[in-house]
Amino acid sequence: MEWTKKVSFDASHLSFKSDYEPSYQRCLLKAVSRVQNLLTQDETIVDDARIHAAKSLLYAAIEQMGTQMEKIGTIQRLLRELLLITNSQYESPGRDRELGLQILADIRSKTDFFG
């Protein structure tokens, strides 16, 4: 995923700093704006090129949102696994530690905001 600005996560202070706009958001905003302009213009000015451009942006936004939802679903599943491992630390400390560290690495690899 492409980001317009970098996001950093500082684990030593457990602070999350965010000042980003993912590319799917930019595409979504552009598509909505283009369709709004199209629908609010005088009907005599609307041409095929503007309609085609709006449709193209809508298709792109739909695809990007689908990809983003799949990615979020994967991360959510990994976080649930991590929660189970974290809960098991009460009963048997150290158990599944390597698996938990691998899941953390997977989450970091699937998200750009951990720096």
Protein backbone atom coordinates (compact mmCIF):
# COMPACT_ATOMS: atom_id res chain seq x y z
CA MET A 1 0.00 0.00 0.00
CA GLU A 2 1.18 3.46 -0.84
CA TRP A 3 1.06 6.19 1.84
CA THR A 4 1.40 9.91 1.34
CA LYS A 5 3.25 10.42 4.62
CA LYS A 6 5.17 8.06 6.88
CA VAL A 7 3.61 6.89 10.13
CA SER A 8 5.79 5.87 13.04
CA PHE A 9 5.23 3.55 15.97
CA ASP A 10 7.61 3.95 18.89
CA ALA A 11 7.37 0.75 20.92
CA SER A 12 9.66 1.97 23.71
CA HIS A 13 7.14 4.65 24.70
CA LEU A 14 4.10 2.81 23.31
CA SER A 15 2.98 5.88 21.42
CA PHE A 16 1.34 5.79 18.05
CA LYS A 17 1.86 8.81 15.84
CA SER A 18 -0.17 9.06 12.68
CA ASP A 19 -0.30 11.67 9.97
CA TYR A 20 -1.05 9.73 6.83
CA GLU A 21 -3.59 9.38 4.09
CA PRO A 22 -3.56 5.94 2.47
CA SER A 23 -3.86 5.81 -1.31
CA TYR A 24 -7.25 4.07 -1.08
CA GLN A 25 -8.62 7.07 0.83
CA ARG A 26 -7.30 9.50 -1.76
CA CYS A 27 -8.88 7.40 -4.51
CA LEU A 28 -12.18 7.18 -2.64
CA LEU A 29 -12.31 10.93 -2.01
CA LYS A 30 -11.44 11.65 -5.64
CA ALA A 31 -14.13 9.25 -6.90
CA VAL A 32 -16.82 10.71 -4.64
CA SER A 33 -15.84 14.25 -5.58
CA ARG A 34 -15.85 13.44 -9.31
CA VAL A 35 -19.28 11.78 -9.12
CA GLN A 36 -20.67 14.66 -7.07
CA ASN A 37 -19.42 17.13 -9.67
CA LEU A 38 -20.90 14.99 -12.43
CA LEU A 39 -24.30 14.73 -10.75
CA THR A 40 -24.52 18.40 -9.83
CA GLN A 41 -23.47 19.81 -13.22
CA ASP A 42 -25.86 21.07 -15.80
CA GLU A 43 -26.89 18.05 -17.87
CA THR A 44 -26.02 19.82 -21.10
CA ILE A 45 -22.32 20.09 -20.07
CA VAL A 46 -21.84 16.43 -19.10
CA ASP A 47 -19.94 14.51 -21.74
CA ASP A 48 -18.89 10.91 -22.21
CA ALA A 49 -15.31 11.59 -21.14
CA ARG A 50 -16.40 12.93 -17.74
CA ILE A 51 -18.75 10.00 -17.22
CA HIS A 52 -15.99 7.56 -18.17
CA ALA A 53 -13.51 9.27 -15.80
CA ALA A 54 -15.99 9.08 -12.91
CA LYS A 55 -16.70 5.41 -13.61
CA SER A 56 -12.99 4.62 -13.76
CA LEU A 57 -12.39 6.27 -10.40
CA LEU A 58 -15.32 4.40 -8.89
CA TYR A 59 -14.00 1.06 -10.18
CA ALA A 60 -10.55 1.85 -8.78
CA ALA A 61 -11.99 2.88 -5.40
CA ILE A 62 -14.08 -0.31 -5.21
CA GLU A 63 -11.04 -2.47 -5.97
CA GLN A 64 -8.79 -0.65 -3.53
CA MET A 65 -11.38 -0.86 -0.75
CA GLY A 66 -11.74 -4.60 -1.39
CA THR A 67 -8.00 -5.08 -1.15
CA GLN A 68 -7.87 -2.99 2.01
CA MET A 69 -10.70 -5.00 3.59
CA GLU A 70 -8.89 -8.27 2.85
CA LYS A 71 -5.72 -6.90 4.39
CA ILE A 72 -7.57 -5.69 7.49
CA GLY A 73 -9.28 -9.08 7.81
CA THR A 74 -5.90 -10.82 7.76
CA ILE A 75 -4.48 -8.46 10.35
CA GLN A 76 -7.57 -8.91 12.53
CA ARG A 77 -7.12 -12.70 12.42
CA LEU A 78 -3.46 -12.32 13.41
CA LEU A 79 -4.39 -10.01 16.28
CA ARG A 80 -6.91 -12.58 17.56
CA GLU A 81 -4.21 -15.26 17.49
CA LEU A 82 -1.91 -12.89 19.35
CA LEU A 83 -4.61 -12.31 21.97
CA LEU A 84 -4.91 -16.06 22.55
CA ILE A 85 -1.15 -16.36 22.93
CA THR A 86 -1.06 -13.39 25.30
CA ASN A 87 -3.84 -14.92 27.42
CA SER A 88 -1.91 -18.19 27.61
CA GLN A 89 1.00 -16.35 29.24
CA TYR A 90 -0.96 -16.32 32.53
CA GLU A 91 -1.19 -20.10 32.61
CA SER A 92 2.22 -21.02 31.23
CA PRO A 93 4.64 -18.12 30.80
CA GLY A 94 6.89 -18.44 27.75
CA ARG A 95 4.59 -20.86 25.97
CA ASP A 96 4.04 -19.99 22.31
CA ARG A 97 6.48 -17.11 22.62
CA GLU A 98 8.13 -17.85 19.27
CA LEU A 99 4.74 -18.13 17.57
CA GLY A 100 3.71 -14.79 19.08
CA LEU A 101 6.90 -13.14 17.87
CA GLN A 102 6.32 -14.56 14.38
CA ILE A 103 2.76 -13.20 14.38
CA LEU A 104 4.07 -9.78 15.42
CA ALA A 105 6.53 -9.90 12.53
CA ASP A 106 3.70 -10.87 10.17
CA ILE A 107 1.58 -7.94 11.37
CA ARG A 108 4.49 -5.56 10.93
CA SER A 109 5.13 -6.85 7.42
CA LYS A 110 1.48 -6.34 6.44
CA THR A 111 1.25 -2.79 7.78
CA ASP A 112 3.39 0.17 6.84
CA PHE A 113 2.87 2.26 9.94
CA PHE A 114 5.19 0.38 12.30
CA GLY A 115 8.21 1.90 10.57
